[in-house]
N, C-alpha and C. Protein backbone atom coordinates (compact mmCIF):
# COMPACT_ATOMS: atom_id res chain seq x y z
N MET A 1 88.03 129.19 88.53
CA MET A 1 89.38 128.83 88.93
C MET A 1 89.59 129.07 90.42
N ARG A 2 89.04 130.18 90.89
CA ARG A 2 89.19 130.55 92.30
C ARG A 2 88.53 129.51 93.21
N ALA A 3 87.35 129.06 92.84
CA ALA A 3 86.64 128.08 93.66
C ALA A 3 87.35 126.74 93.67
N ILE A 4 87.91 126.35 92.54
CA ILE A 4 88.63 125.08 92.47
C ILE A 4 89.86 125.11 93.37
N LEU A 5 90.61 126.21 93.31
CA LEU A 5 91.78 126.34 94.17
C LEU A 5 91.39 126.32 95.64
N LEU A 6 90.31 126.97 95.97
CA LEU A 6 89.85 127.00 97.36
C LEU A 6 89.48 125.60 97.83
N ILE A 7 88.76 124.86 97.03
CA ILE A 7 88.36 123.50 97.40
C ILE A 7 89.58 122.59 97.55
N VAL A 8 90.51 122.68 96.60
CA VAL A 8 91.73 121.86 96.68
C VAL A 8 92.53 122.23 97.94
N GLY A 9 92.62 123.51 98.22
CA GLY A 9 93.35 123.96 99.41
C GLY A 9 92.73 123.46 100.70
N ILE A 10 91.41 123.52 100.79
CA ILE A 10 90.72 123.05 102.00
C ILE A 10 90.91 121.55 102.16
N LEU A 11 90.77 120.81 101.07
CA LEU A 11 90.95 119.35 101.15
C LEU A 11 92.38 118.99 101.56
N ALA A 12 93.37 119.69 101.00
CA ALA A 12 94.76 119.43 101.36
C ALA A 12 95.03 119.78 102.82
N LEU A 13 94.46 120.88 103.28
CA LEU A 13 94.63 121.28 104.68
C LEU A 13 94.04 120.24 105.63
N LEU A 14 92.84 119.78 105.32
CA LEU A 14 92.19 118.78 106.17
C LEU A 14 92.90 117.44 106.13
N ALA A 15 93.32 117.01 104.94
CA ALA A 15 94.04 115.75 104.82
C ALA A 15 95.37 115.82 105.55
N GLY A 16 96.08 116.91 105.39
CA GLY A 16 97.35 117.09 106.07
C GLY A 16 97.20 117.08 107.58
N ALA A 17 96.16 117.73 108.07
CA ALA A 17 95.91 117.72 109.51
C ALA A 17 95.62 116.30 110.01
N LEU A 18 94.83 115.56 109.26
CA LEU A 18 94.53 114.18 109.64
C LEU A 18 95.80 113.34 109.64
N PHE A 19 96.62 113.47 108.60
CA PHE A 19 97.87 112.71 108.53
C PHE A 19 98.78 113.04 109.70
N ALA A 20 98.89 114.33 110.03
CA ALA A 20 99.75 114.76 111.13
C ALA A 20 99.23 114.22 112.47
N LEU A 21 97.93 114.26 112.65
CA LEU A 21 97.36 113.76 113.91
C LEU A 21 97.49 112.25 114.02
N GLN A 22 97.34 111.55 112.91
CA GLN A 22 97.55 110.10 112.93
C GLN A 22 99.02 109.78 113.19
N GLY A 23 99.92 110.50 112.56
CA GLY A 23 101.34 110.26 112.74
C GLY A 23 101.82 110.53 114.15
N SER A 24 101.19 111.50 114.81
CA SER A 24 101.58 111.81 116.18
C SER A 24 100.88 110.92 117.20
N GLY A 25 99.92 110.13 116.75
CA GLY A 25 99.23 109.21 117.64
C GLY A 25 98.03 109.80 118.35
N VAL A 26 97.61 110.99 117.95
CA VAL A 26 96.45 111.63 118.58
C VAL A 26 95.16 111.00 118.07
N VAL A 27 95.10 110.76 116.76
CA VAL A 27 93.92 110.17 116.14
C VAL A 27 94.26 108.74 115.74
N HIS A 28 93.48 107.79 116.21
CA HIS A 28 93.68 106.38 115.86
C HIS A 28 92.52 105.87 115.02
N TRP A 29 92.29 106.57 113.91
CA TRP A 29 91.23 106.18 113.00
C TRP A 29 91.76 106.25 111.59
N PRO A 30 91.55 105.30 110.79
CA PRO A 30 91.04 103.96 111.10
C PRO A 30 92.08 103.16 111.89
N SER A 31 91.61 102.24 112.66
CA SER A 31 92.48 101.53 113.60
C SER A 31 93.53 100.67 112.92
N ASP A 32 93.32 100.32 111.66
CA ASP A 32 94.30 99.48 110.96
C ASP A 32 95.21 100.29 110.03
N SER A 33 95.25 101.60 110.20
CA SER A 33 96.06 102.46 109.35
C SER A 33 97.55 102.26 109.62
N SER A 34 98.33 102.26 108.57
CA SER A 34 99.77 102.11 108.72
C SER A 34 100.45 103.43 109.11
N MET A 35 99.69 104.50 109.17
CA MET A 35 100.25 105.81 109.51
C MET A 35 100.26 106.09 111.01
N LEU A 36 99.64 105.25 111.79
CA LEU A 36 99.51 105.51 113.22
C LEU A 36 100.86 105.47 113.91
N ASP A 37 101.12 106.51 114.71
CA ASP A 37 102.34 106.63 115.51
C ASP A 37 103.61 106.55 114.67
N GLN A 38 103.57 107.09 113.47
CA GLN A 38 104.73 107.12 112.58
C GLN A 38 105.13 108.59 112.36
N SER A 39 106.30 108.96 112.88
CA SER A 39 106.70 110.37 112.82
C SER A 39 106.86 110.87 111.39
N VAL A 40 107.17 109.98 110.46
CA VAL A 40 107.30 110.41 109.07
C VAL A 40 105.97 110.95 108.55
N TRP A 41 104.86 110.37 108.99
CA TRP A 41 103.54 110.85 108.56
C TRP A 41 103.16 112.14 109.27
N GLN A 42 103.70 112.34 110.44
CA GLN A 42 103.46 113.61 111.13
C GLN A 42 104.09 114.75 110.34
N SER A 43 105.34 114.59 109.92
CA SER A 43 106.01 115.65 109.16
C SER A 43 105.40 115.81 107.77
N ARG A 44 105.04 114.72 107.12
CA ARG A 44 104.39 114.83 105.81
C ARG A 44 103.05 115.52 105.92
N GLY A 45 102.31 115.20 106.97
CA GLY A 45 101.01 115.84 107.17
C GLY A 45 101.12 117.33 107.39
N ILE A 46 102.11 117.74 108.17
CA ILE A 46 102.33 119.17 108.39
C ILE A 46 102.67 119.86 107.08
N THR A 47 103.51 119.23 106.28
CA THR A 47 103.88 119.79 104.99
C THR A 47 102.67 119.93 104.07
N ILE A 48 101.84 118.90 104.02
CA ILE A 48 100.63 118.95 103.18
C ILE A 48 99.67 120.02 103.68
N ALA A 49 99.52 120.14 105.00
CA ALA A 49 98.63 121.15 105.57
C ALA A 49 99.12 122.56 105.24
N ILE A 50 100.42 122.78 105.33
CA ILE A 50 100.98 124.10 104.98
C ILE A 50 100.76 124.40 103.50
N ALA A 51 100.95 123.39 102.65
CA ALA A 51 100.70 123.58 101.22
C ALA A 51 99.23 123.92 100.98
N GLY A 52 98.34 123.24 101.69
CA GLY A 52 96.91 123.53 101.56
C GLY A 52 96.59 124.96 101.98
N ALA A 53 97.19 125.42 103.07
CA ALA A 53 96.97 126.79 103.52
C ALA A 53 97.49 127.79 102.48
N ALA A 54 98.63 127.47 101.87
CA ALA A 54 99.18 128.35 100.83
C ALA A 54 98.24 128.41 99.62
N ILE A 55 97.68 127.28 99.25
CA ILE A 55 96.75 127.24 98.12
C ILE A 55 95.49 128.06 98.43
N ILE A 56 95.04 127.99 99.67
CA ILE A 56 93.88 128.80 100.08
C ILE A 56 94.20 130.28 99.95
N LEU A 57 95.38 130.68 100.41
CA LEU A 57 95.77 132.09 100.29
C LEU A 57 95.88 132.52 98.83
N ILE A 58 96.44 131.66 98.00
CA ILE A 58 96.55 131.96 96.57
C ILE A 58 95.15 132.10 95.96
N SER A 59 94.23 131.23 96.36
CA SER A 59 92.87 131.30 95.80
C SER A 59 92.18 132.60 96.16
N ARG A 60 92.53 133.15 97.30
CA ARG A 60 91.92 134.42 97.71
C ARG A 60 92.47 135.60 96.91
N ARG A 61 93.68 135.44 96.37
CA ARG A 61 94.30 136.51 95.59
C ARG A 61 93.96 136.42 94.11
N VAL A 62 93.61 135.25 93.62
CA VAL A 62 93.29 135.07 92.21
C VAL A 62 91.98 135.78 91.91
N GLY A 63 91.99 136.56 90.87
CA GLY A 63 90.77 137.23 90.45
C GLY A 63 90.51 138.55 91.12
N ARG A 64 91.39 138.97 92.00
CA ARG A 64 91.18 140.26 92.68
C ARG A 64 91.63 141.44 91.85
N ARG A 65 92.39 141.21 90.83
CA ARG A 65 92.98 142.31 90.06
C ARG A 65 91.95 142.99 89.29
């Protein structure tokens, strides 16, 4: 369970970071993405990245008892 949470958290953190960078216009990959320079994707990406970080922290606490 701990490993699954960690993997999900890392994937969410990375995806959120990519979405935020695409939304802010820093990353223009893929070039035909509808998320480029869209502030709504910047805020959604930050939210997803924060959720991913929270899942990573939770995974570190699971099984420690």
